[in-house]
Amino acid sequence: MAPVLSMENYGEPIFLAVSACGTDKQLLTKYIRERKDLKIIPPNYIFFINQELVSWKDALLNWTILYHQIDNLDITNKMDFQDLLSRIAGSGLGSLKYYRWDVKDRRYKFFQRQQQLV
């Protein structure tokens, strides 16, 4: 993540997608919030797999659906993103969560919906 966090200006809204085991306990957003010396505009959204262990098929399906649909979303409407993540979790194909940078509060806020097991 060091190259991303060393950029001073992305020029456009940026989305990070992090897929790895253990990212359900990630500390990246806390690191960004607490580091006053970072000269970056925090990424607007950071997406993580919301599972301790990430299976290949869950990751493949989650990210494919997200990448396919994200271009149709309004970046200013958090409900668009919440609806998409809820549909992914509701499908039983896995679960993602996001951290959304709140400019007013200067911190990340998150949304997650647990996968519904059938």
PDB file of N, CA and C in Angstrom:
ATOM      1  N   MET A   1       0.805  -1.195   0.000  1.00  0.00           N
ATOM      2  CA  MET A   1       0.000   0.000   0.000  1.00  0.00           C
ATOM      3  C   MET A   1       0.856   1.271   0.000  1.00  0.00           C
ATOM      4  N   ALA A   2       2.131   1.136   0.281  1.00  0.00           N
ATOM      5  CA  ALA A   2       2.993   2.316   0.380  1.00  0.00           C
ATOM      6  C   ALA A   2       2.952   3.201  -0.867  1.00  0.00           C
ATOM      7  N   PRO A   3       3.028   2.652  -2.090  1.00  0.00           N
ATOM      8  CA  PRO A   3       2.969   3.533  -3.269  1.00  0.00           C
ATOM      9  C   PRO A   3       1.658   4.313  -3.361  1.00  0.00           C
ATOM     10  N   VAL A   4       0.556   3.692  -3.013  1.00  0.00           N
ATOM     11  CA  VAL A   4      -0.730   4.393  -3.055  1.00  0.00           C
ATOM     12  C   VAL A   4      -0.760   5.497  -2.010  1.00  0.00           C
ATOM     13  N   LEU A   5      -0.282   5.200  -0.818  1.00  0.00           N
ATOM     14  CA  LEU A   5      -0.333   6.183   0.266  1.00  0.00           C
ATOM     15  C   LEU A   5       0.699   7.295   0.116  1.00  0.00           C
ATOM     16  N   SER A   6       1.633   7.150  -0.797  1.00  0.00           N
ATOM     17  CA  SER A   6       2.613   8.212  -1.011  1.00  0.00           C
ATOM     18  C   SER A   6       2.185   9.176  -2.119  1.00  0.00           C
ATOM     19  N   MET A   7       1.090   8.870  -2.814  1.00  0.00           N
ATOM     20  CA  MET A   7       0.585   9.770  -3.851  1.00  0.00           C
ATOM     21  C   MET A   7      -0.058  10.980  -3.177  1.00  0.00           C
ATOM     22  N   GLU A   8       0.224  12.170  -3.719  1.00  0.00           N
ATOM     23  CA  GLU A   8      -0.341  13.373  -3.111  1.00  0.00           C
ATOM     24  C   GLU A   8      -1.714  13.719  -3.673  1.00  0.00           C
ATOM     25  N   ASN A   9      -1.978  13.386  -4.917  1.00  0.00           N
ATOM     26  CA  ASN A   9      -3.256  13.733  -5.508  1.00  0.00           C
ATOM     27  C   ASN A   9      -3.592  12.713  -6.584  1.00  0.00           C
ATOM     28  N   TYR A  10      -4.739  12.084  -6.442  1.00  0.00           N
ATOM     29  CA  TYR A  10      -5.154  11.070  -7.399  1.00  0.00           C
ATOM     30  C   TYR A  10      -5.769  11.691  -8.649  1.00  0.00           C
ATOM     31  N   GLY A  11      -6.297  12.900  -8.531  1.00  0.00           N
ATOM     32  CA  GLY A  11      -6.909  13.561  -9.672  1.00  0.00           C
ATOM     33  C   GLY A  11      -8.378  13.209  -9.854  1.00  0.00           C
ATOM     34  N   GLU A  12      -8.762  12.019  -9.508  1.00  0.00           N
ATOM     35  CA  GLU A  12     -10.141  11.557  -9.604  1.00  0.00           C
ATOM     36  C   GLU A  12     -10.448  10.727  -8.366  1.00  0.00           C
ATOM     37  N   PRO A  13     -11.738  10.508  -8.102  1.00  0.00           N
ATOM     38  CA  PRO A  13     -12.067   9.634  -6.967  1.00  0.00           C
ATOM     39  C   PRO A  13     -11.385   8.276  -7.128  1.00  0.00           C
ATOM     40  N   ILE A  14     -10.915   7.725  -6.022  1.00  0.00           N
ATOM     41  CA  ILE A  14     -10.215   6.443  -6.091  1.00  0.00           C
ATOM     42  C   ILE A  14     -10.915   5.417  -5.209  1.00  0.00           C
ATOM     43  N   PHE A  15     -10.933   4.200  -5.723  1.00  0.00           N
ATOM     44  CA  PHE A  15     -11.481   3.060  -5.018  1.00  0.00           C
ATOM     45  C   PHE A  15     -10.369   2.046  -4.867  1.00  0.00           C
ATOM     46  N   LEU A  16     -10.172   1.541  -3.670  1.00  0.00           N
ATOM     47  CA  LEU A  16      -9.210   0.469  -3.444  1.00  0.00           C
ATOM     48  C   LEU A  16      -9.979  -0.807  -3.164  1.00  0.00           C
ATOM     49  N   ALA A  17      -9.527  -1.893  -3.717  1.00  0.00           N
ATOM     50  CA  ALA A  17     -10.113  -3.202  -3.434  1.00  0.00           C
ATOM     51  C   ALA A  17      -9.000  -4.076  -2.883  1.00  0.00           C
ATOM     52  N   VAL A  18      -9.199  -4.582  -1.674  1.00  0.00           N
ATOM     53  CA  VAL A  18      -8.174  -5.387  -1.003  1.00  0.00           C
ATOM     54  C   VAL A  18      -8.766  -6.766  -0.734  1.00  0.00           C
ATOM     55  N   SER A  19      -8.144  -7.779  -1.312  1.00  0.00           N
ATOM     56  CA  SER A  19      -8.643  -9.140  -1.169  1.00  0.00           C
ATOM     57  C   SER A  19      -7.542 -10.017  -0.606  1.00  0.00           C
ATOM     58  N   ALA A  20      -7.703 -10.367   0.649  1.00  0.00           N
ATOM     59  CA  ALA A  20      -6.724 -11.243   1.300  1.00  0.00           C
ATOM     60  C   ALA A  20      -7.336 -11.787   2.580  1.00  0.00           C
ATOM     61  N   CYS A  21      -6.858 -12.908   3.005  1.00  0.00           N
ATOM     62  CA  CYS A  21      -7.320 -13.449   4.280  1.00  0.00           C
ATOM     63  C   CYS A  21      -6.955 -12.467   5.384  1.00  0.00           C
ATOM     64  N   GLY A  22      -7.872 -12.273   6.319  1.00  0.00           N
ATOM     65  CA  GLY A  22      -7.619 -11.409   7.463  1.00  0.00           C
ATOM     66  C   GLY A  22      -7.983  -9.953   7.264  1.00  0.00           C
ATOM     67  N   THR A  23      -8.437  -9.559   6.066  1.00  0.00           N
ATOM     68  CA  THR A  23      -8.767  -8.149   5.867  1.00  0.00           C
ATOM     69  C   THR A  23     -10.043  -7.748   6.589  1.00  0.00           C
ATOM     70  N   ASP A  24     -10.767  -8.719   7.141  1.00  0.00           N
ATOM     71  CA  ASP A  24     -11.924  -8.357   7.958  1.00  0.00           C
ATOM     72  C   ASP A  24     -11.469  -7.681   9.252  1.00  0.00           C
ATOM     73  N   LYS A  25     -10.169  -7.766   9.557  1.00  0.00           N
ATOM     74  CA  LYS A  25      -9.604  -7.118  10.739  1.00  0.00           C
ATOM     75  C   LYS A  25      -8.552  -6.084  10.336  1.00  0.00           C
ATOM     76  N   GLN A  26      -8.743  -5.464   9.196  1.00  0.00           N
ATOM     77  CA  GLN A  26      -7.763  -4.543   8.639  1.00  0.00           C
ATOM     78  C   GLN A  26      -7.549  -3.310   9.512  1.00  0.00           C
ATOM     79  N   LEU A  27      -6.381  -2.683   9.395  1.00  0.00           N
ATOM     80  CA  LEU A  27      -6.039  -1.472  10.134  1.00  0.00           C
ATOM     81  C   LEU A  27      -5.672  -0.308   9.214  1.00  0.00           C
ATOM     82  N   LEU A  28      -5.824  -0.494   7.913  1.00  0.00           N
ATOM     83  CA  LEU A  28      -5.431   0.523   6.942  1.00  0.00           C
ATOM     84  C   LEU A  28      -6.190   1.827   7.151  1.00  0.00           C
ATOM     85  N   THR A  29      -7.497   1.757   7.346  1.00  0.00           N
ATOM     86  CA  THR A  29      -8.279   2.982   7.506  1.00  0.00           C
ATOM     87  C   THR A  29      -7.884   3.747   8.771  1.00  0.00           C
ATOM     88  N   LYS A  30      -7.589   3.031   9.832  1.00  0.00           N
ATOM     89  CA  LYS A  30      -7.129   3.672  11.066  1.00  0.00           C
ATOM     90  C   LYS A  30      -5.778   4.347  10.837  1.00  0.00           C
ATOM     91  N   TYR A  31      -4.899   3.667  10.118  1.00  0.00           N
ATOM     92  CA  TYR A  31      -3.584   4.214   9.799  1.00  0.00           C
ATOM     93  C   TYR A  31      -3.725   5.524   9.018  1.00  0.00           C
ATOM     94  N   ILE A  32      -4.575   5.535   8.007  1.00  0.00           N
ATOM     95  CA  ILE A  32      -4.765   6.737   7.192  1.00  0.00           C
ATOM     96  C   ILE A  32      -5.318   7.872   8.048  1.00  0.00           C
ATOM     97  N   ARG A  33      -6.300   7.577   8.878  1.00  0.00           N
ATOM     98  CA  ARG A  33      -6.928   8.599   9.716  1.00  0.00           C
ATOM     99  C   ARG A  33      -5.951   9.194  10.722  1.00  0.00           C
ATOM    100  N   GLU A  34      -5.115   8.367  11.309  1.00  0.00           N
ATOM    101  CA  GLU A  34      -4.236   8.821  12.383  1.00  0.00           C
ATOM    102  C   GLU A  34      -2.955   9.488  11.905  1.00  0.00           C
ATOM    103  N   ARG A  35      -2.550   9.220  10.684  1.00  0.00           N
ATOM    104  CA  ARG A  35      -1.298   9.785  10.167  1.00  0.00           C
ATOM    105  C   ARG A  35      -1.524  11.198   9.635  1.00  0.00           C
ATOM    106  N   LYS A  36      -1.255  12.170  10.442  1.00  0.00           N
ATOM    107  CA  LYS A  36      -1.439  13.572  10.048  1.00  0.00           C
ATOM    108  C   LYS A  36      -0.384  14.014   9.030  1.00  0.00           C
ATOM    109  N   ASP A  37       0.737  13.275   8.953  1.00  0.00           N
ATOM    110  CA  ASP A  37       1.813  13.657   8.046  1.00  0.00           C
ATOM    111  C   ASP A  37       1.592  13.160   6.617  1.00  0.00           C
ATOM    112  N   LEU A  38       0.598  12.312   6.392  1.00  0.00           N
ATOM    113  CA  LEU A  38       0.325  11.835   5.039  1.00  0.00           C
ATOM    114  C   LEU A  38      -0.233  12.972   4.200  1.00  0.00           C
ATOM    115  N   LYS A  39       0.361  13.178   3.038  1.00  0.00           N
ATOM    116  CA  LYS A  39      -0.080  14.257   2.169  1.00  0.00           C
ATOM    117  C   LYS A  39      -0.929  13.688   1.031  1.00  0.00           C
ATOM    118  N   ILE A  40      -1.964  12.955   1.407  1.00  0.00           N
ATOM    119  CA  ILE A  40      -2.821  12.344   0.404  1.00  0.00           C
ATOM    120  C   ILE A  40      -4.268  12.763   0.630  1.00  0.00           C
ATOM    121  N   ILE A  41      -5.023  12.654  -0.427  1.00  0.00           N
ATOM    122  CA  ILE A  41      -6.468  12.701  -0.298  1.00  0.00           C
ATOM    123  C   ILE A  41      -6.857  11.248  -0.055  1.00  0.00           C
ATOM    124  N   PRO A  42      -7.475  10.945   1.069  1.00  0.00           N
ATOM    125  CA  PRO A  42      -7.796   9.535   1.340  1.00  0.00           C
ATOM    126  C   PRO A  42      -8.660   8.929   0.241  1.00  0.00           C
ATOM    127  N   PRO A  43      -8.441   7.668  -0.089  1.00  0.00           N
ATOM    128  CA  PRO A  43      -9.308   7.017  -1.087  1.00  0.00           C
ATOM    129  C   PRO A  43     -10.770   7.137  -0.664  1.00  0.00           C
ATOM    130  N   ASN A  44     -11.646   7.447  -1.619  1.00  0.00           N
ATOM    131  CA  ASN A  44     -13.064   7.635  -1.320  1.00  0.00           C
ATOM    132  C   ASN A  44     -13.687   6.380  -0.721  1.00  0.00           C
ATOM    133  N   TYR A  45     -13.398   5.252  -1.321  1.00  0.00           N
ATOM    134  CA  TYR A  45     -13.921   3.975  -0.849  1.00  0.00           C
ATOM    135  C   TYR A  45     -12.797   2.957  -0.842  1.00  0.00           C
ATOM    136  N   ILE A  46     -12.772   2.146   0.200  1.00  0.00           N
ATOM    137  CA  ILE A  46     -11.881   0.993   0.250  1.00  0.00           C
ATOM    138  C   ILE A  46     -12.779  -0.216   0.502  1.00  0.00           C
ATOM    139  N   PHE A  47     -12.682  -1.200  -0.372  1.00  0.00           N
ATOM    140  CA  PHE A  47     -13.489  -2.410  -0.271  1.00  0.00           C
ATOM    141  C   PHE A  47     -12.627  -3.558   0.215  1.00  0.00           C
ATOM    142  N   PHE A  48     -13.186  -4.340   1.119  1.00  0.00           N
ATOM    143  CA  PHE A  48     -12.507  -5.502   1.670  1.00  0.00           C
ATOM    144  C   PHE A  48     -13.448  -6.695   1.626  1.00  0.00           C
ATOM    145  N   ILE A  49     -12.866  -7.881   1.528  1.00  0.00           N
ATOM    146  CA  ILE A  49     -13.640  -9.096   1.744  1.00  0.00           C
ATOM    147  C   ILE A  49     -13.998  -9.121   3.230  1.00  0.00           C
ATOM    148  N   ASN A  50     -15.244  -9.367   3.534  1.00  0.00           N
ATOM    149  CA  ASN A  50     -15.717  -9.343   4.923  1.00  0.00           C
ATOM    150  C   ASN A  50     -15.745 -10.757   5.506  1.00  0.00           C
ATOM    151  N   GLN A  51     -14.655 -11.453   5.342  1.00  0.00           N
ATOM    152  CA  GLN A  51     -14.530 -12.820   5.847  1.00  0.00           C
ATOM    153  C   GLN A  51     -13.097 -13.009   6.311  1.00  0.00           C
ATOM    154  N   GLU A  52     -12.916 -13.796   7.359  1.00  0.00           N
ATOM    155  CA  GLU A  52     -11.555 -14.038   7.843  1.00  0.00           C
ATOM    156  C   GLU A  52     -10.752 -14.834   6.820  1.00  0.00           C
ATOM    157  N   LEU A  53     -11.355 -15.876   6.286  1.00  0.00           N
ATOM    158  CA  LEU A  53     -10.715 -16.674   5.243  1.00  0.00           C
ATOM    159  C   LEU A  53     -11.389 -16.376   3.911  1.00  0.00           C
ATOM    160  N   VAL A  54     -10.597 -16.203   2.889  1.00  0.00           N
ATOM    161  CA  VAL A  54     -11.117 -15.858   1.570  1.00  0.00           C
ATOM    162  C   VAL A  54     -10.923 -17.040   0.633  1.00  0.00           C
ATOM    163  N   SER A  55     -12.033 -17.611   0.195  1.00  0.00           N
ATOM    164  CA  SER A  55     -11.913 -18.694  -0.786  1.00  0.00           C
ATOM    165  C   SER A  55     -11.791 -18.076  -2.174  1.00  0.00           C
ATOM    166  N   TRP A  56     -11.139 -18.788  -3.060  1.00  0.00           N
ATOM    167  CA  TRP A  56     -10.934 -18.304  -4.419  1.00  0.00           C
ATOM    168  C   TRP A  56     -12.271 -18.016  -5.096  1.00  0.00           C
ATOM    169  N   LYS A  57     -13.234 -18.909  -4.985  1.00  0.00           N
ATOM    170  CA  LYS A  57     -14.515 -18.716  -5.686  1.00  0.00           C
ATOM    171  C   LYS A  57     -15.279 -17.526  -5.116  1.00  0.00           C
ATOM    172  N   ASP A  58     -15.255 -17.324  -3.789  1.00  0.00           N
ATOM    173  CA  ASP A  58     -15.931 -16.154  -3.213  1.00  0.00           C
ATOM    174  C   ASP A  58     -15.277 -14.863  -3.690  1.00  0.00           C
ATOM    175  N   ALA A  59     -13.960 -14.820  -3.635  1.00  0.00           N
ATOM    176  CA  ALA A  59     -13.249 -13.618  -4.064  1.00  0.00           C
ATOM    177  C   ALA A  59     -13.521 -13.336  -5.541  1.00  0.00           C
ATOM    178  N   LEU A  60     -13.423 -14.347  -6.363  1.00  0.00           N
ATOM    179  CA  LEU A  60     -13.646 -14.173  -7.796  1.00  0.00           C
ATOM    180  C   LEU A  60     -15.038 -13.616  -8.081  1.00  0.00           C
ATOM    181  N   LEU A  61     -16.057 -14.178  -7.466  1.00  0.00           N
ATOM    182  CA  LEU A  61     -17.429 -13.737  -7.712  1.00  0.00           C
ATOM    183  C   LEU A  61     -17.703 -12.360  -7.104  1.00  0.00           C
ATOM    184  N   ASN A  62     -17.247 -12.134  -5.874  1.00  0.00           N
ATOM    185  CA  ASN A  62     -17.459 -10.833  -5.234  1.00  0.00           C
ATOM    186  C   ASN A  62     -16.858  -9.702  -6.054  1.00  0.00           C
ATOM    187  N   TRP A  63     -15.591  -9.840  -6.400  1.00  0.00           N
ATOM    188  CA  TRP A  63     -14.913  -8.756  -7.114  1.00  0.00           C
ATOM    189  C   TRP A  63     -15.460  -8.590  -8.528  1.00  0.00           C
ATOM    190  N   THR A  64     -15.801  -9.685  -9.191  1.00  0.00           N
ATOM    191  CA  THR A  64     -16.351  -9.574 -10.536  1.00  0.00           C
ATOM    192  C   THR A  64     -17.658  -8.789 -10.524  1.00  0.00           C
ATOM    193  N   ILE A  65     -18.540  -9.116  -9.596  1.00  0.00           N
ATOM    194  CA  ILE A  65     -19.814  -8.404  -9.496  1.00  0.00           C
ATOM    195  C   ILE A  65     -19.574  -6.932  -9.152  1.00  0.00           C
ATOM    196  N   LEU A  66     -18.712  -6.672  -8.167  1.00  0.00           N
ATOM    197  CA  LEU A  66     -18.427  -5.295  -7.781  1.00  0.00           C
ATOM    198  C   LEU A  66     -17.881  -4.495  -8.959  1.00  0.00           C
ATOM    199  N   TYR A  67     -16.857  -5.023  -9.632  1.00  0.00           N
ATOM    200  CA  TYR A  67     -16.230  -4.296 -10.741  1.00  0.00           C
ATOM    201  C   TYR A  67     -17.212  -4.089 -11.892  1.00  0.00           C
ATOM    202  N   HIS A  68     -18.078  -5.053 -12.110  1.00  0.00           N
ATOM    203  CA  HIS A  68     -19.056  -4.943 -13.189  1.00  0.00           C
ATOM    204  C   HIS A  68     -20.087  -3.857 -12.888  1.00  0.00           C
ATOM    205  N   GLN A  69     -20.470  -3.709 -11.638  1.00  0.00           N
ATOM    206  CA  GLN A  69     -21.546  -2.795 -11.267  1.00  0.00           C
ATOM    207  C   GLN A  69     -21.089  -1.404 -10.813  1.00  0.00           C
ATOM    208  N   ILE A  70     -19.856  -1.282 -10.373  1.00  0.00           N
ATOM    209  CA  ILE A  70     -19.424  -0.037  -9.725  1.00  0.00           C
ATOM    210  C   ILE A  70     -19.469   1.170 -10.662  1.00  0.00           C
ATOM    211  N   ASP A  71     -19.263   0.947 -11.923  1.00  0.00           N
ATOM    212  CA  ASP A  71     -19.275   2.051 -12.886  1.00  0.00           C
ATOM    213  C   ASP A  71     -20.672   2.666 -13.023  1.00  0.00           C
ATOM    214  N   ASN A  72     -21.699   1.928 -12.644  1.00  0.00           N
ATOM    215  CA  ASN A  72     -23.077   2.414 -12.741  1.00  0.00           C
ATOM    216  C   ASN A  72     -23.526   3.168 -11.495  1.00  0.00           C
ATOM    217  N   LEU A  73     -22.663   3.263 -10.484  1.00  0.00           N
ATOM    218  CA  LEU A  73     -23.060   3.863  -9.215  1.00  0.00           C
ATOM    219  C   LEU A  73     -22.699   5.340  -9.154  1.00  0.00           C
ATOM    220  N   ASP A  74     -23.483   6.077  -8.390  1.00  0.00           N
ATOM    221  CA  ASP A  74     -23.243   7.493  -8.144  1.00  0.00           C
ATOM    222  C   ASP A  74     -22.339   7.603  -6.915  1.00  0.00           C
ATOM    223  N   ILE A  75     -21.137   8.093  -7.104  1.00  0.00           N
ATOM    224  CA  ILE A  75     -20.161   8.147  -6.006  1.00  0.00           C
ATOM    225  C   ILE A  75     -20.656   8.983  -4.827  1.00  0.00           C
ATOM    226  N   THR A  76     -21.565   9.909  -5.070  1.00  0.00           N
ATOM    227  CA  THR A  76     -22.075  10.757  -3.993  1.00  0.00           C
ATOM    228  C   THR A  76     -23.234  10.107  -3.238  1.00  0.00           C
ATOM    229  N   ASN A  77     -23.684   8.951  -3.703  1.00  0.00           N
ATOM    230  CA  ASN A  77     -24.833   8.292  -3.069  1.00  0.00           C
ATOM    231  C   ASN A  77     -24.381   6.992  -2.408  1.00  0.00           C
ATOM    232  N   LYS A  78     -24.124   7.055  -1.113  1.00  0.00           N
ATOM    233  CA  LYS A  78     -23.645   5.876  -0.396  1.00  0.00           C
ATOM    234  C   LYS A  78     -24.658   4.734  -0.447  1.00  0.00           C
ATOM    235  N   MET A  79     -25.948   5.063  -0.602  1.00  0.00           N
ATOM    236  CA  MET A  79     -26.979   4.020  -0.655  1.00  0.00           C
ATOM    237  C   MET A  79     -26.807   3.126  -1.884  1.00  0.00           C
ATOM    238  N   ASP A  80     -26.300   3.675  -2.980  1.00  0.00           N
ATOM    239  CA  ASP A  80     -26.013   2.859  -4.166  1.00  0.00           C
ATOM    240  C   ASP A  80     -25.012   1.758  -3.816  1.00  0.00           C
ATOM    241  N   PHE A  81     -23.965   2.136  -3.092  1.00  0.00           N
ATOM    242  CA  PHE A  81     -22.931   1.182  -2.715  1.00  0.00           C
ATOM    243  C   PHE A  81     -23.458   0.180  -1.688  1.00  0.00           C
ATOM    244  N   GLN A  82     -24.244   0.666  -0.745  1.00  0.00           N
ATOM    245  CA  GLN A  82     -24.812  -0.228   0.260  1.00  0.00           C
ATOM    246  C   GLN A  82     -25.758  -1.238  -0.371  1.00  0.00           C
ATOM    247  N   ASP A  83     -26.550  -0.790  -1.332  1.00  0.00           N
ATOM    248  CA  ASP A  83     -27.464  -1.700  -2.027  1.00  0.00           C
ATOM    249  C   ASP A  83     -26.688  -2.776  -2.780  1.00  0.00           C
ATOM    250  N   LEU A  84     -25.625  -2.379  -3.465  1.00  0.00           N
ATOM    251  CA  LEU A  84     -24.817  -3.353  -4.209  1.00  0.00           C
ATOM    252  C   LEU A  84     -24.198  -4.384  -3.261  1.00  0.00           C
ATOM    253  N   LEU A  85     -23.601  -3.935  -2.160  1.00  0.00           N
ATOM    254  CA  LEU A  85     -22.989  -4.881  -1.231  1.00  0.00           C
ATOM    255  C   LEU A  85     -24.041  -5.771  -0.576  1.00  0.00           C
ATOM    256  N   SER A  86     -25.232  -5.240  -0.337  1.00  0.00           N
ATOM    257  CA  SER A  86     -26.320  -6.046   0.228  1.00  0.00           C
ATOM    258  C   SER A  86     -26.773  -7.116  -0.755  1.00  0.00           C
ATOM    259  N   ARG A  87     -26.836  -6.759  -2.033  1.00  0.00           N
ATOM    260  CA  ARG A  87     -27.230  -7.755  -3.044  1.00  0.00           C
ATOM    261  C   ARG A  87     -26.175  -8.856  -3.171  1.00  0.00           C
ATOM    262  N   ILE A  88     -24.906  -8.478  -3.110  1.00  0.00           N
ATOM    263  CA  ILE A  88     -23.834  -9.485  -3.175  1.00  0.00           C
ATOM    264  C   ILE A  88     -23.938 -10.423  -1.977  1.00  0.00           C
ATOM    265  N   ALA A  89     -24.084  -9.865  -0.773  1.00  0.00           N
ATOM    266  CA  ALA A  89     -24.170 -10.695   0.432  1.00  0.00           C
ATOM    267  C   ALA A  89     -25.423 -11.559   0.402  1.00  0.00           C
ATOM    268  N   GLY A  90     -26.535 -10.997  -0.061  1.00  0.00           N
ATOM    269  CA  GLY A  90     -27.793 -11.732  -0.127  1.00  0.00           C
ATOM    270  C   GLY A  90     -27.778 -12.875  -1.119  1.00  0.00           C
ATOM    271  N   SER A  91     -26.860 -12.816  -2.073  1.00  0.00           N
ATOM    272  CA  SER A  91     -26.781 -13.875  -3.084  1.00  0.00           C
ATOM    273  C   SER A  91     -26.162 -15.154  -2.532  1.00  0.00           C
ATOM    274  N   GLY A  92     -25.498 -15.050  -1.375  1.00  0.00           N
ATOM    275  CA  GLY A  92     -24.831 -16.211  -0.803  1.00  0.00           C
ATOM    276  C   GLY A  92     -23.458 -16.468  -1.407  1.00  0.00           C
ATOM    277  N   LEU A  93     -22.963 -15.528  -2.218  1.00  0.00           N
ATOM    278  CA  LEU A  93     -21.680 -15.707  -2.895  1.00  0.00           C
ATOM    279  C   LEU A  93     -20.501 -15.150  -2.114  1.00  0.00           C
ATOM    280  N   GLY A  94     -20.748 -14.668  -0.911  1.00  0.00           N
ATOM    281  CA  GLY A  94     -19.683 -14.060  -0.130  1.00  0.00           C
ATOM    282  C   GLY A  94     -20.129 -12.704   0.352  1.00  0.00           C
ATOM    283  N   SER A  95     -19.224 -11.971   0.939  1.00  0.00           N
ATOM    284  CA  SER A  95     -19.587 -10.691   1.523  1.00  0.00           C
ATOM    285  C   SER A  95     -18.425  -9.719   1.408  1.00  0.00           C
ATOM    286  N   LEU A  96     -18.747  -8.484   1.043  1.00  0.00           N
ATOM    287  CA  LEU A  96     -17.776  -7.399   1.004  1.00  0.00           C
ATOM    288  C   LEU A  96     -18.209  -6.344   2.000  1.00  0.00           C
ATOM    289  N   LYS A  97     -17.259  -5.512   2.434  1.00  0.00           N
ATOM    290  CA  LYS A  97     -17.619  -4.330   3.200  1.00  0.00           C
ATOM    291  C   LYS A  97     -16.826  -3.167   2.634  1.00  0.00           C
ATOM    292  N   TYR A  98     -17.357  -1.972   2.872  1.00  0.00           N
ATOM    293  CA  TYR A  98     -16.627  -0.797   2.425  1.00  0.00           C
ATOM    294  C   TYR A  98     -16.340   0.127   3.589  1.00  0.00           C
ATOM    295  N   TYR A  99     -15.295   0.915   3.407  1.00  0.00           N
ATOM    296  CA  TYR A  99     -14.992   2.045   4.259  1.00  0.00           C
ATOM    297  C   TYR A  99     -15.064   3.260   3.346  1.00  0.00           C
ATOM    298  N   ARG A 100     -15.899   4.227   3.719  1.00  0.00           N
ATOM    299  CA  ARG A 100     -16.136   5.430   2.916  1.00  0.00           C
ATOM    300  C   ARG A 100     -15.572   6.628   3.665  1.00  0.00           C
ATOM    301  N   TRP A 101     -14.704   7.391   2.984  1.00  0.00           N
ATOM    302  CA  TRP A 101     -14.105   8.555   3.621  1.00  0.00           C
ATOM    303  C   TRP A 101     -15.168   9.643   3.766  1.00  0.00           C
ATOM    304  N   ASP A 102     -15.363  10.112   4.988  1.00  0.00           N
ATOM    305  CA  ASP A 102     -16.294  11.190   5.274  1.00  0.00           C
ATOM    306  C   ASP A 102     -15.482  12.466   5.435  1.00  0.00           C
ATOM    307  N   VAL A 103     -15.617  13.360   4.464  1.00  0.00           N
ATOM    308  CA  VAL A 103     -14.816  14.588   4.454  1.00  0.00           C
ATOM    309  C   VAL A 103     -15.123  15.452   5.669  1.00  0.00           C
ATOM    310  N   LYS A 104     -16.393  15.565   6.020  1.00  0.00           N
ATOM    311  CA  LYS A 104     -16.807  16.403   7.148  1.00  0.00           C
ATOM    312  C   LYS A 104     -16.219  15.909   8.470  1.00  0.00           C
ATOM    313  N   ASP A 105     -16.345  14.605   8.737  1.00  0.00           N
ATOM    314  CA  ASP A 105     -15.841  14.041   9.992  1.00  0.00           C
ATOM    315  C   ASP A 105     -14.366  13.656   9.939  1.00  0.00           C
ATOM    316  N   ARG A 106     -13.767  13.698   8.736  1.00  0.00           N
ATOM    317  CA  ARG A 106     -12.365  13.336   8.519  1.00  0.00           C
ATOM    318  C   ARG A 106     -12.026  11.958   9.075  1.00  0.00           C
ATOM    319  N   ARG A 107     -12.881  11.002   8.731  1.00  0.00           N
ATOM    320  CA  ARG A 107     -12.630   9.621   9.132  1.00  0.00           C
ATOM    321  C   ARG A 107     -13.397   8.694   8.197  1.00  0.00           C
ATOM    322  N   TYR A 108     -13.033   7.427   8.259  1.00  0.00           N
ATOM    323  CA  TYR A 108     -13.735   6.423   7.470  1.00  0.00           C
ATOM    324  C   TYR A 108     -14.950   5.913   8.227  1.00  0.00           C
ATOM    325  N   LYS A 109     -16.038   5.718   7.491  1.00  0.00           N
ATOM    326  CA  LYS A 109     -17.237   5.083   8.019  1.00  0.00           C
ATOM    327  C   LYS A 109     -17.429   3.811   7.215  1.00  0.00           C
ATOM    328  N   PHE A 110     -17.939   2.767   7.853  1.00  0.00           N
ATOM    329  CA  PHE A 110     -18.017   1.504   7.131  1.00  0.00           C
ATOM    330  C   PHE A 110     -19.434   0.986   7.020  1.00  0.00           C
ATOM    331  N   PHE A 111     -19.603   0.104   6.053  1.00  0.00           N
ATOM    332  CA  PHE A 111     -20.866  -0.591   5.847  1.00  0.00           C
ATOM    333  C   PHE A 111     -20.548  -2.041   5.542  1.00  0.00           C
ATOM    334  N   GLN A 112     -21.292  -2.925   6.183  1.00  0.00           N
ATOM    335  CA  GLN A 112     -21.166  -4.338   5.889  1.00  0.00           C
ATOM    336  C   GLN A 112     -22.520  -4.995   6.077  1.00  0.00           C
ATOM    337  N   ARG A 113     -22.754  -5.987   5.302  1.00  0.00           N
ATOM    338  CA  ARG A 113     -23.935  -6.821   5.500  1.00  0.00           C
ATOM    339  C   ARG A 113     -23.448  -8.251   5.486  1.00  0.00           C
ATOM    340  N   GLN A 114     -23.802  -8.973   6.498  1.00  0.00           N
ATOM    341  CA  GLN A 114     -23.352 -10.361   6.601  1.00  0.00           C
ATOM    342  C   GLN A 114     -24.016 -11.210   5.533  1.00  0.00           C
ATOM    343  N   GLN A 115     -23.259 -12.150   5.040  1.00  0.00           N
ATOM    344  CA  GLN A 115     -23.767 -13.092   4.053  1.00  0.00           C
ATOM    345  C   GLN A 115     -24.886 -13.927   4.698  1.00  0.00           C
ATOM    346  N   GLN A 116     -25.952 -14.099   3.956  1.00  0.00           N
ATOM    347  CA  GLN A 116     -27.052 -14.925   4.443  1.00  0.00           C
ATOM    348  C   GLN A 116     -26.823 -16.358   3.967  1.00  0.00           C
ATOM    349  N   LEU A 117     -26.662 -17.247   4.921  1.00  0.00           N
ATOM    350  CA  LEU A 117     -26.424 -18.642   4.569  1.00  0.00           C
ATOM    351  C   LEU A 117     -27.756 -19.311   4.263  1.00  0.00           C
ATOM    352  N   VAL A 118     -27.769 -20.046   3.187  1.00  0.00           N
ATOM    353  CA  VAL A 118     -29.003 -20.711   2.745  1.00  0.00           C
ATOM    354  C   VAL A 118     -28.984 -22.166   3.161  1.00  0.00           C
TER     355      VAL A 118
END
